[in-house]
Protein backbone atom coordinates (compact mmCIF):
# COMPACT_ATOMS: atom_id res chain seq x y z
CA MET A 1 -93.12 9.43 -25.33
CA VAL A 2 -96.66 10.67 -25.92
CA ALA A 3 -95.90 14.00 -24.24
CA ALA A 4 -92.88 14.49 -26.51
CA SER A 5 -94.90 13.85 -29.65
CA LEU A 6 -97.55 16.31 -28.48
CA GLN A 7 -94.91 18.96 -27.89
CA LYS A 8 -93.48 18.39 -31.37
CA SER A 9 -96.83 18.71 -33.07
CA SER A 10 -97.61 21.95 -31.25
CA ARG A 11 -94.36 23.47 -32.54
CA THR A 12 -94.92 22.64 -36.19
CA SER A 13 -98.59 23.61 -36.59
CA ARG A 14 -101.53 24.96 -34.66
CA PRO A 15 -103.49 22.03 -33.13
CA THR A 16 -107.06 21.51 -34.26
CA SER A 17 -109.97 21.42 -31.82
CA PHE A 18 -110.60 18.18 -29.93
CA ASN A 19 -113.74 16.23 -30.79
CA HIS A 20 -114.97 13.27 -28.76
CA GLU A 21 -115.06 9.91 -30.51
CA PRO A 22 -118.48 8.19 -30.07
CA LEU A 23 -118.77 5.80 -27.12
CA ASP A 24 -119.98 2.24 -27.43
CA TYR A 25 -123.26 2.65 -25.56
CA ARG A 26 -124.04 -1.09 -25.78
CA ARG A 27 -121.07 -1.85 -23.52
CA GLY A 28 -121.68 1.03 -21.11
CA ALA A 29 -118.33 2.57 -22.01
CA ILE A 30 -116.91 5.67 -20.32
CA ARG A 31 -113.90 7.88 -21.04
CA LEU A 32 -110.95 8.24 -18.69
CA LEU A 33 -108.03 10.64 -18.84
CA ARG A 34 -104.59 11.18 -17.43
CA ILE A 35 -102.81 14.49 -17.05
CA LEU A 36 -99.26 14.45 -18.41
CA PRO A 37 -96.31 15.73 -16.34
CA LEU A 38 -94.89 18.03 -19.06
CA LEU A 39 -96.43 21.17 -20.52
CA SER A 40 -96.53 21.60 -24.27
CA ALA A 41 -94.02 23.86 -26.04
CA ASP A 42 -96.66 26.59 -25.84
CA GLY A 43 -97.03 26.08 -22.09
CA LEU A 44 -100.39 24.26 -22.26
CA ILE A 45 -101.48 21.52 -19.91
CA GLN A 46 -101.64 18.23 -21.78
CA CYS A 47 -103.77 15.15 -21.16
CA GLU A 48 -104.62 11.88 -22.83
CA ILE A 49 -108.17 10.56 -23.03
CA TRP A 50 -109.34 7.05 -23.94
CA HIS A 51 -112.39 4.78 -23.76
CA ASP A 52 -112.72 2.35 -20.87
CA SER A 53 -115.33 0.94 -18.47
CA VAL A 54 -116.42 1.44 -14.86
CA GLU A 55 -114.46 -1.70 -14.00
CA ALA A 56 -111.19 0.23 -14.49
CA SER A 57 -109.22 1.86 -11.66
CA TYR A 58 -109.80 5.62 -11.60
CA THR A 59 -110.49 8.66 -9.41
CA CYS A 60 -113.60 10.81 -9.89
CA LEU A 61 -113.48 14.58 -9.54
CA SER A 62 -116.27 16.38 -7.68
CA TYR A 63 -116.13 20.13 -8.23
CA VAL A 64 -118.03 23.31 -9.11
CA TRP A 65 -118.11 24.08 -12.82
CA GLY A 66 -118.09 27.85 -12.30
CA SER A 67 -118.69 30.61 -14.82
CA GLU A 68 -118.22 29.91 -18.52
CA LYS A 69 -117.02 33.48 -19.09
CA ILE A 70 -113.40 32.59 -18.25
CA GLN A 71 -112.06 29.53 -20.09
CA ARG A 72 -108.53 28.30 -20.62
CA GLN A 73 -106.93 26.23 -23.37
CA ILE A 74 -105.51 22.77 -22.76
CA LEU A 75 -104.44 19.97 -25.10
CA VAL A 76 -106.46 16.75 -25.20
CA ASN A 77 -104.79 14.08 -27.32
CA GLY A 78 -102.79 16.86 -28.90
CA LYS A 79 -105.83 18.97 -29.81
CA LEU A 80 -107.17 22.16 -28.30
CA PHE A 81 -109.96 22.06 -25.76
CA LEU A 82 -111.46 24.76 -23.54
CA VAL A 83 -112.08 24.22 -19.82
CA ARG A 84 -113.48 26.55 -17.21
CA GLU A 85 -111.20 28.22 -14.73
CA ASN A 86 -111.94 26.09 -11.67
CA LEU A 87 -111.24 22.87 -13.57
CA TYR A 88 -108.13 24.43 -15.07
CA ASP A 89 -106.88 25.26 -11.56
CA PHE A 90 -107.35 21.62 -10.55
CA MET A 91 -105.49 20.43 -13.63
CA ARG A 92 -102.56 22.70 -12.75
CA VAL A 93 -102.38 21.09 -9.30
CA ALA A 94 -102.84 17.60 -10.76
CA GLN A 95 -100.11 18.21 -13.36
CA SER A 96 -97.54 18.54 -10.57
CA LYS A 97 -99.17 16.27 -7.96
CA TYR A 98 -100.84 13.37 -9.80
CA ALA A 99 -99.10 13.08 -13.17
CA ASN A 100 -96.00 11.13 -12.15
CA PRO A 101 -96.90 8.37 -11.63
CA ALA A 102 -99.96 8.97 -13.79
CA ARG A 103 -103.39 8.71 -12.20
CA ALA A 104 -106.53 8.00 -14.23
CA PHE A 105 -109.39 10.49 -13.72
CA TRP A 106 -113.03 10.65 -14.64
CA ILE A 107 -114.05 14.33 -15.01
CA ASP A 108 -117.50 15.05 -16.40
CA ALA A 109 -116.65 18.20 -18.39
CA LEU A 110 -113.94 16.30 -20.29
CA CYS A 111 -115.20 12.71 -20.28
CA ILE A 112 -118.74 13.48 -21.49
CA ASP A 113 -119.38 15.13 -24.84
CA GLN A 114 -121.39 18.07 -23.52
CA ASP A 115 -122.59 18.94 -27.03
CA SER A 116 -124.33 15.57 -27.46
CA VAL A 117 -127.70 15.30 -25.71
CA HIS A 118 -127.82 11.59 -26.55
CA GLU A 119 -124.47 10.98 -24.89
CA LYS A 120 -125.35 13.10 -21.87
CA ASN A 121 -128.54 11.08 -21.39
CA HIS A 122 -126.54 7.84 -21.55
CA GLN A 123 -123.67 8.92 -19.30
CA VAL A 124 -125.80 10.65 -16.69
CA ALA A 125 -128.00 7.53 -16.48
CA GLN A 126 -124.93 5.51 -15.43
CA MET A 127 -123.44 8.19 -13.18
CA GLY A 128 -124.23 6.07 -10.12
CA PRO A 129 -121.98 3.14 -11.16
CA ILE A 130 -119.28 5.59 -12.30
CA TYR A 131 -118.93 7.11 -8.82
CA ALA A 132 -119.68 3.93 -6.87
CA ASN A 133 -116.88 2.02 -8.65
CA ALA A 134 -114.26 4.77 -8.45
CA VAL A 135 -111.30 4.10 -6.17
CA GLU A 136 -111.92 7.47 -4.54
CA VAL A 137 -113.55 10.83 -5.12
CA PHE A 138 -111.69 14.13 -4.87
CA SER A 139 -113.80 17.01 -3.55
CA TRP A 140 -112.02 19.96 -5.15
CA LEU A 141 -112.60 23.19 -3.24
CA GLY A 142 -110.37 25.25 -5.50
CA LEU A 143 -107.51 27.64 -4.84
CA SER A 144 -108.26 29.36 -1.54
CA GLN A 145 -105.89 30.62 1.13
CA THR A 146 -108.85 31.00 3.50
CA ILE A 147 -110.03 27.39 3.22
CA GLY A 148 -106.41 26.24 3.29
CA ARG A 149 -105.90 28.01 6.64
CA ALA A 150 -109.09 26.49 8.07
CA PHE A 151 -108.10 22.97 7.04
CA THR A 152 -104.55 23.43 8.31
CA PHE A 153 -105.90 24.33 11.75
CA GLY A 154 -108.23 21.32 11.55
CA LEU A 155 -105.23 19.09 10.89
CA GLN A 156 -103.33 20.58 13.82
CA LEU A 157 -106.30 20.12 16.11
CA GLY A 158 -106.70 16.54 14.90
CA VAL A 159 -103.12 15.80 15.97
CA ASP A 160 -103.64 17.37 19.38
CA VAL A 161 -107.03 15.79 20.04
CA ASP A 162 -107.86 12.16 19.30
CA MET A 163 -111.63 12.14 19.62
CA TYR A 164 -111.79 8.37 19.04
CA SER A 165 -109.35 7.48 21.81
CA PHE A 166 -110.58 5.13 24.53
CA ASP A 167 -108.18 6.72 26.99
CA ILE A 168 -110.23 8.21 29.83
CA ARG A 169 -107.68 11.04 29.92
CA ALA A 170 -108.48 11.97 26.30
CA PRO A 171 -109.77 15.55 25.83
CA THR A 172 -113.53 16.05 25.83
CA TRP A 173 -115.57 18.10 23.36
CA GLU A 174 -115.42 20.92 25.90
CA ASP A 175 -111.59 20.76 25.78
CA LEU A 176 -111.78 20.86 21.98
CA HIS A 177 -114.10 23.86 22.07
CA GLN A 178 -111.75 25.67 24.43
CA LYS A 179 -108.78 25.08 22.10
CA TRP A 180 -110.79 26.49 19.22
CA ILE A 181 -111.78 29.60 21.20
CA GLU A 182 -108.16 30.19 22.26
CA ARG A 183 -106.91 29.99 18.66
CA ASN A 184 -109.76 32.17 17.42
CA ASN A 185 -108.88 34.83 19.99
CA GLN A 186 -105.20 34.61 19.05
CA THR A 187 -106.12 35.28 15.40
CA HIS A 188 -108.56 38.08 16.35
CA GLY A 189 -111.53 36.16 14.98
CA GLN A 190 -109.87 35.13 11.71
CA LEU A 191 -110.32 31.42 12.44
CA ALA A 192 -114.10 31.80 12.70
CA LYS A 193 -114.15 33.77 9.43
CA ASP A 194 -112.06 31.09 7.72
CA TRP A 195 -114.41 28.31 8.77
CA LEU A 196 -117.47 30.32 7.80
CA THR A 197 -115.91 30.53 4.34
CA VAL A 198 -115.67 26.72 4.31
CA VAL A 199 -119.31 26.35 5.37
CA ARG A 200 -120.54 28.86 2.78
CA ASP A 201 -118.41 27.66 -0.12
CA ARG A 202 -120.36 27.13 -3.36
CA TYR A 203 -119.20 23.53 -3.50
CA TRP A 204 -121.76 22.45 -0.89
CA THR A 205 -124.65 23.88 -2.96
CA ARG A 206 -123.80 21.90 -6.12
CA ALA A 207 -126.58 19.40 -6.89
CA TRP A 208 -124.35 16.58 -8.13
CA ILE A 209 -122.22 16.31 -4.99
CA THR A 210 -125.09 14.58 -3.15
CA GLN A 211 -124.58 11.51 -5.30
CA GLU A 212 -120.83 11.93 -5.59
CA ILE A 213 -120.35 11.97 -1.81
CA LEU A 214 -122.87 9.31 -0.87
CA LEU A 215 -121.73 6.77 -3.47
CA ALA A 216 -118.00 7.29 -2.95
CA ARG A 217 -115.90 4.51 -1.42
CA GLN A 218 -113.54 7.19 -0.11
CA VAL A 219 -113.74 10.99 -0.23
CA LYS A 220 -110.63 13.16 -0.13
CA LEU A 221 -110.82 16.93 0.29
CA LEU A 222 -108.48 18.92 -1.93
CA VAL A 223 -107.77 22.65 -1.62
CA ASN A 224 -104.73 24.24 -3.26
CA ASP A 225 -102.27 21.31 -3.24
CA LEU A 226 -103.39 20.12 0.21
CA GLU A 227 -105.06 16.69 0.11
CA ILE A 228 -106.65 15.48 3.34
CA ASP A 229 -108.86 12.71 4.61
CA PRO A 230 -112.02 14.35 6.07
CA ILE A 231 -111.62 12.29 9.24
CA GLN A 232 -108.42 14.26 9.91
CA ILE A 233 -110.45 17.44 10.42
CA SER A 234 -113.62 15.85 11.74
CA SER A 235 -112.88 17.16 15.24
CA CYS A 236 -113.23 20.65 13.80
CA ALA A 237 -115.97 20.16 11.21
CA SER A 238 -118.29 17.41 12.42
CA GLY A 239 -119.59 15.82 15.58
CA ARG A 240 -120.70 18.68 17.82
CA PRO A 241 -118.70 21.72 16.65
CA ARG A 242 -120.49 24.54 18.43
CA TYR A 243 -118.14 27.26 17.34
CA ILE A 244 -118.04 27.72 13.57
CA ASN A 245 -120.97 30.12 13.76
CA ASP A 246 -119.44 32.11 16.62
CA LEU A 247 -119.36 35.23 14.42
CA LYS A 248 -123.04 35.66 15.24
CA ARG A 249 -122.78 33.92 18.62
CA ASN A 250 -125.21 31.26 17.38
CA LEU A 251 -124.44 27.92 18.97
CA TRP A 252 -123.72 25.36 16.26
CA SER A 253 -125.60 22.77 18.30
CA ASP A 254 -128.83 24.81 18.15
CA HIS A 255 -130.35 23.25 15.04
CA GLU A 256 -133.30 25.64 14.95
CA LYS A 257 -130.96 28.60 14.35
CA TRP A 258 -128.98 27.03 11.54
CA ASP A 259 -129.17 28.82 8.24
CA THR A 260 -129.33 26.83 5.00
CA ASP A 261 -125.54 26.87 4.48
CA THR A 262 -124.88 25.49 7.97
CA HIS A 263 -127.62 22.88 7.65
CA VAL A 264 -126.32 21.60 4.30
CA PHE A 265 -122.63 21.61 5.29
CA SER A 266 -123.36 19.68 8.47
CA CYS A 267 -125.37 17.10 6.55
CA TYR A 268 -122.70 16.54 3.89
CA PHE A 269 -119.81 16.39 6.34
CA GLY A 270 -121.73 13.91 8.46
CA TRP A 271 -122.19 11.72 5.39
CA ILE A 272 -118.53 12.02 4.40
CA CYS A 273 -117.26 11.02 7.84
CA GLY A 274 -119.96 8.45 8.55
CA ARG A 275 -119.92 4.74 7.84
CA ARG A 276 -120.57 4.01 4.17
CA GLU A 277 -123.35 1.49 4.81
CA LEU A 278 -125.35 4.13 6.70
CA ARG A 279 -125.42 6.33 3.61
CA PHE A 280 -127.51 3.76 1.76
CA GLN A 281 -130.49 3.72 4.10
CA GLU A 282 -133.62 3.92 1.98
CA LYS A 283 -134.69 7.47 1.19
CA LYS A 284 -137.34 8.82 -1.12
CA LEU A 285 -136.64 11.71 -3.46
CA ILE A 286 -138.53 14.16 -1.30
CA ASN A 287 -136.40 13.16 1.72
CA PHE A 288 -133.24 14.20 -0.15
CA PHE A 289 -134.84 17.56 -1.00
CA ASP A 290 -135.46 17.95 2.73
CA SER A 291 -131.98 16.84 3.86
CA VAL A 292 -130.00 19.12 1.55
CA PRO A 293 -132.20 22.04 0.37
CA GLY A 294 -131.06 24.73 -2.04
CA ARG A 295 -129.09 22.43 -4.36
CA GLN A 296 -127.99 24.34 -7.48
CA SER A 297 -127.06 23.22 -10.99
CA TYR A 298 -126.41 24.65 -14.44
CA TYR A 299 -129.29 22.57 -15.82
CA VAL A 300 -132.39 22.49 -13.61
CA HIS A 301 -132.89 18.84 -14.61
CA ASP A 302 -129.77 17.86 -12.67
CA ARG A 303 -131.45 18.64 -9.35
CA VAL A 304 -133.51 15.51 -9.98
CA TYR A 305 -131.20 13.44 -12.20
CA SER A 306 -128.37 13.73 -9.67
CA LEU A 307 -130.50 11.78 -7.18
CA LEU A 308 -131.76 8.96 -9.41
CA SER A 309 -129.04 6.56 -8.22
CA LEU A 310 -129.89 7.30 -4.57
CA ALA A 311 -133.66 7.71 -4.21
CA SER A 312 -135.74 4.57 -3.79
CA ASP A 313 -138.82 5.80 -5.69
CA THR A 314 -137.49 7.25 -8.97
CA SER A 315 -137.42 4.22 -11.29
CA SER A 316 -140.13 5.80 -13.47
CA ILE A 317 -137.99 8.88 -14.20
CA LYS A 318 -135.64 8.51 -17.16
CA VAL A 319 -132.79 10.89 -17.95
CA ASP A 320 -133.83 13.09 -20.86
CA TYR A 321 -132.46 16.61 -21.22
CA ARG A 322 -134.80 17.24 -24.16
CA ILE A 323 -137.87 17.62 -21.95
CA SER A 324 -138.78 20.94 -20.38
CA PRO A 325 -138.29 21.66 -16.66
CA SER A 326 -142.08 21.87 -16.24
CA ASP A 327 -142.48 18.36 -17.71
CA LEU A 328 -139.84 17.08 -15.29
CA LEU A 329 -141.62 18.78 -12.39
CA ARG A 330 -144.79 16.93 -13.34
CA GLN A 331 -142.90 13.63 -13.40
CA VAL A 332 -141.75 14.33 -9.85
CA MET A 333 -145.29 15.28 -8.76
CA ASN A 334 -146.59 12.04 -10.22
CA LEU A 335 -144.31 10.10 -7.86
CA TYR A 336 -146.43 11.43 -5.00
CA LYS A 337 -149.73 11.70 -6.84
CA LYS A 338 -151.75 10.32 -3.93
CA ASN A 339 -149.05 10.64 -1.30
CA MET A 340 -148.31 14.36 -1.21
CA CYS A 341 -148.20 16.98 1.51
CA ILE A 342 -148.42 20.73 0.94
CA CYS A 343 -144.91 21.23 2.35
CA ALA A 344 -143.63 18.50 0.00
CA TRP A 345 -145.17 20.36 -2.93
CA PHE A 346 -143.32 23.49 -1.80
CA PHE A 347 -140.07 21.51 -1.91
CA MET A 348 -140.77 20.32 -5.43
CA ALA A 349 -141.48 23.84 -6.64
CA ASN A 350 -138.40 25.16 -4.87
CA MET A 351 -136.22 22.44 -6.40
CA MET A 352 -137.26 23.57 -9.89
CA ASP A 353 -137.04 27.30 -9.06
CA CYS A 354 -140.76 27.73 -9.67
CA TYR A 355 -142.93 30.40 -8.14
CA HIS A 356 -145.68 30.42 -10.74
CA VAL A 357 -146.50 26.89 -11.73
CA PRO A 358 -145.92 26.28 -15.46
CA ASN A 359 -148.99 25.41 -17.49
CA ASP A 360 -149.57 21.99 -18.95
CA LYS A 361 -149.94 22.73 -22.68
CA SER A 362 -150.98 19.18 -23.45
CA ARG A 363 -154.40 19.97 -21.98
CA ASP A 364 -157.22 22.30 -22.96
CA GLY A 365 -156.45 22.18 -26.66
CA GLY A 366 -152.89 23.40 -26.15
CA ALA A 367 -153.91 26.47 -24.11
CA GLY A 368 -152.61 24.88 -20.95
CA ARG A 369 -153.51 25.23 -17.30
CA SER A 370 -151.84 25.11 -13.93
CA PRO A 371 -151.82 21.69 -12.25
CA ILE A 372 -154.76 21.03 -9.96
CA PHE A 373 -154.63 19.57 -6.48
CA ARG A 374 -157.41 18.08 -4.37
CA LEU A 375 -157.34 19.04 -0.72
CA PRO A 376 -159.69 17.05 1.52
CA MET A 377 -160.32 19.39 4.45
CA LYS A 378 -162.42 19.19 7.58
CA PRO A 379 -164.28 22.34 8.74
CA VAL A 380 -163.10 24.09 11.89
CA GLN A 381 -164.54 22.85 15.14
CA THR A 382 -164.58 25.44 17.88
CA ASP A 383 -164.34 25.42 21.65
CA PHE A 384 -166.07 28.08 23.69
CA ILE A 385 -163.53 29.65 26.04
CA MET A 386 -164.88 31.25 29.19
CA SER A 387 -162.85 33.52 31.45
CA ALA A 388 -163.78 33.40 35.11
CA ALA A 389 -162.21 36.82 35.66
CA ASN A 390 -163.83 38.72 32.80
CA SER A 391 -166.91 37.68 30.83
CA LYS A 392 -165.87 40.05 28.01
CA ASN A 393 -163.01 37.66 27.22
CA TRP A 394 -165.38 34.79 26.43
CA HIS A 395 -164.81 33.69 22.85
CA ASN A 396 -164.79 30.87 20.32
CA ALA A 397 -161.38 29.28 19.64
CA CYS A 398 -160.28 26.92 16.92
CA SER A 399 -160.01 23.42 18.38
CA GLU A 400 -156.96 22.70 16.16
CA CYS A 401 -154.71 25.71 16.75
CA GLY A 402 -156.39 27.57 19.61
CA MET A 403 -156.64 30.79 17.58
CA LYS A 404 -159.43 33.17 18.61
CA MET A 405 -162.38 33.08 16.19
CA PRO A 406 -164.49 36.20 16.84
CA HIS A 407 -166.44 36.01 13.56
CA PHE A 408 -167.44 32.41 13.11
CA GLU A 409 -170.36 32.41 10.67
CA LYS A 410 -171.05 28.93 9.33
CA GLN A 411 -173.88 30.22 7.13
CA VAL A 412 -171.63 32.71 5.31
CA HIS A 413 -168.52 30.59 4.69
CA THR A 414 -166.90 27.28 5.55
CA THR A 415 -163.76 27.71 7.64
CA PHE A 416 -160.73 25.42 7.56
CA CYS A 417 -157.67 25.41 9.82
CA ILE A 418 -154.28 25.29 8.08
CA GLN A 419 -152.66 23.69 11.12
CA SER A 420 -154.83 20.60 10.63
CA LEU A 421 -153.37 20.19 7.13
CA CYS A 422 -149.64 20.67 7.71
CA GLU A 423 -147.69 21.67 10.79
CA ASN A 424 -144.81 23.25 8.81
CA ILE A 425 -146.98 25.69 6.86
CA ARG A 426 -147.61 29.11 8.39
CA PRO A 427 -150.76 28.71 10.53
CA GLY A 428 -154.02 30.50 9.82
CA HIS A 429 -157.52 29.89 8.51
CA LEU A 430 -159.08 29.58 5.07
CA TYR A 431 -162.62 30.67 4.16
CA VAL A 432 -164.58 29.11 1.28
CA TYR A 433 -167.74 30.87 0.16
CA LYS A 434 -169.99 31.47 -2.85
CA ASN A 435 -169.67 34.76 -4.68
CA LYS A 436 -172.58 36.65 -6.24
CA HIS A 437 -172.22 34.62 -9.44
CA GLY A 438 -172.64 31.35 -7.57
CA ASN A 439 -168.99 30.31 -7.92
CA TYR A 440 -166.83 29.24 -5.01
CA GLU A 441 -163.92 31.39 -3.88
CA ILE A 442 -161.31 30.91 -1.18
CA SER A 443 -159.36 33.43 0.88
CA ARG A 444 -157.01 33.47 3.81
CA LYS A 445 -158.08 35.17 7.01
CA GLY A 446 -156.66 38.70 7.09
CA ASP A 447 -156.16 38.81 3.31
CA THR A 448 -158.66 40.75 1.19
CA THR A 449 -157.65 38.84 -1.95
CA SER A 450 -159.83 35.90 -2.90
CA TYR A 451 -159.05 33.14 -5.39
CA GLU A 452 -161.12 30.93 -7.63
CA VAL A 453 -161.87 27.41 -6.45
CA VAL A 454 -161.87 24.99 -9.37
CA HIS A 455 -164.39 22.74 -7.63
CA PHE A 456 -165.81 22.40 -4.12
CA GLN A 457 -167.90 19.48 -2.90
CA PRO A 458 -168.60 17.27 0.11
CA GLY A 459 -165.85 14.69 0.40
CA ASN A 460 -166.00 10.93 0.73
CA PRO A 461 -163.29 9.90 3.20
CA GLY A 462 -164.55 6.32 3.23
CA SER A 463 -163.56 5.76 -0.40
CA ARG A 464 -161.11 2.91 -0.88
CA ASP A 465 -159.00 5.03 -3.25
CA ASP A 466 -158.91 8.10 -1.04
CA ILE A 467 -155.63 9.35 0.37
CA ASP A 468 -154.82 8.66 4.01
CA LEU A 469 -155.81 11.70 6.03
CA GLY A 470 -155.66 10.00 9.38
CA TRP A 471 -159.24 11.06 10.22
CA GLY A 472 -161.11 7.83 9.56
CA SER A 473 -164.64 8.30 8.20
CA MET A 474 -165.29 11.68 9.79
CA PRO A 475 -168.48 13.30 8.43
CA GLY A 476 -168.43 16.84 7.12
CA LEU A 477 -165.26 16.47 5.07
CA TYR A 478 -164.97 18.66 1.95
CA ASP A 479 -162.88 18.41 -1.19
CA ALA A 480 -161.44 21.70 -2.46
CA TYR A 481 -159.78 21.58 -5.88
CA LEU A 482 -157.17 24.33 -6.24
CA THR A 483 -154.57 25.22 -8.86
CA GLY A 484 -150.90 25.15 -7.93
CA ASP A 485 -150.61 28.93 -8.14
CA VAL A 486 -153.52 29.45 -5.74
CA LEU A 487 -152.08 26.85 -3.40
CA MET A 488 -148.78 28.75 -3.21
CA LYS A 489 -150.51 32.05 -2.48
CA LEU A 490 -152.90 30.71 0.13
CA PHE A 491 -150.24 28.87 2.07
CA LEU A 492 -147.67 31.68 1.73
CA TYR A 493 -144.94 30.00 -0.29
CA PRO A 494 -141.82 31.89 0.90
CA GLU A 495 -140.04 34.36 -1.36
CA ARG A 496 -136.83 33.18 -3.01
CA SER A 497 -134.61 35.31 -0.77
CA VAL A 498 -136.16 33.68 2.30
CA ARG A 499 -135.87 30.17 0.86
CA GLN A 500 -132.17 30.71 0.17
CA THR A 501 -131.49 31.91 3.72
CA LEU A 502 -133.64 29.66 5.89
CA PRO A 503 -133.86 25.94 5.13
CA MET A 504 -137.32 24.73 4.26
CA GLU A 505 -138.52 21.65 6.11
CA ILE A 506 -141.08 18.98 5.43
CA CYS A 507 -143.38 18.02 8.27
CA ARG A 508 -143.22 14.78 10.22
CA ARG A 509 -146.26 13.37 8.43
CA ALA A 510 -144.65 14.02 5.05
CA GLN A 511 -141.40 12.42 6.25
CA GLY A 512 -143.50 9.39 7.14
CA HIS A 513 -145.01 9.55 3.63
CA SER A 514 -148.51 10.47 4.79
CA ALA A 515 -150.59 12.71 2.58
CA ASN A 516 -152.97 15.62 2.85
CA MET A 517 -153.64 16.32 -0.81
CA GLU A 518 -153.67 14.69 -4.23
CA PHE A 519 -152.20 15.79 -7.56
CA CYS A 520 -154.97 15.50 -10.14
């Protein structure tokens, strides 16, 4: 009846643009929509939208927004509305697959007034309950013959091989691998290319899917009009699939050789196919940055806001799209003010796409300055290495990393070993010395460039408020105060192209929430 009236109105006059009616924020209201089975007289997809609550029965859509350059018209409550192409493709599939009987959907681009910052703040703040209470979540991978072929093979393999069978005659992982190799050879390598396309699809880089997947009661994968339960293809995409990366002959089981795409895909698919209760093991924000690096979003803020319902240490961060990315970065740094590692700082900067740290304009009379970090560091201790075969090979070596130290002049500069600070930062040594003006400078061994030290002084590791360095009350500790920019240069923060290719990692001490520096 509603569809007929919409068709009639579109014949008689040009529909006006759709405007969202204000939500009742006091009740935590949300909008839901259904896609109608009939197109309008002008051939437009039609849908109805109404106000409801998270207690309703609905399906959430998880998808990539895509470029805003190509947008298509649809009708929402009889009025024109523009959607991006990837969402439009889903709505075309849904119009034939999920409109009769009608299914209620929650889709962010339609159900949130994107022009209202106030509404976005409210709706994003309750995104956790929205996804947690949904009946299921559709992971829409778009229209793709390549991904469709890969999933179809996964379904066929799932029928042939029951990996959860208790029958001792059931095929082993080696049998599964052999079947994959045989099919890949039959297709002249096309199967490997198809699955590499799955692994490298943009969907897995979208920041919001971390929350959407982890909170979901049930995830369904949807490509073209093919809807599948991930468990159906788990024998091909999870567990120990050592063959998806066969294009480069890199064994999938060799974690050290995984690129970022492989690392992230494996993590997400493991979550999707794993038991739901295991997804809710306590994790801090920095641990999510480590698990799924390289998360992308249209708004930089979403790389943090999309984790607020998951991370155990983010209660102090409130959703507010009015603040600048640099202000948000400082909120994140404040979470780990006295519990920060250098590699964790790299993750924070990478998450916000920062190379040069933005200045804090609230300080220094509005002029601003880069954030300052305190690094308590112990000077290098050396071992004298003697060679029985050749006395010319006698030398001093760093007791931390074993690196040869031919020019060890304590009177000229104080030397610090990077390995003693963080095991995941490129090893080397730092020299702190006074310049001719009496100011302290710091440089990295082998680099002729020196940088200003904000302050340098003997440390006090016995202080009750000091961060936990794991060294007890060792004498000879120094505090070096460095700006964020200098920190990145000294410890060789990787270029963006490298960060996008190879996954960054936080060290074991940082994973255990130990610290080696403080945000001042």
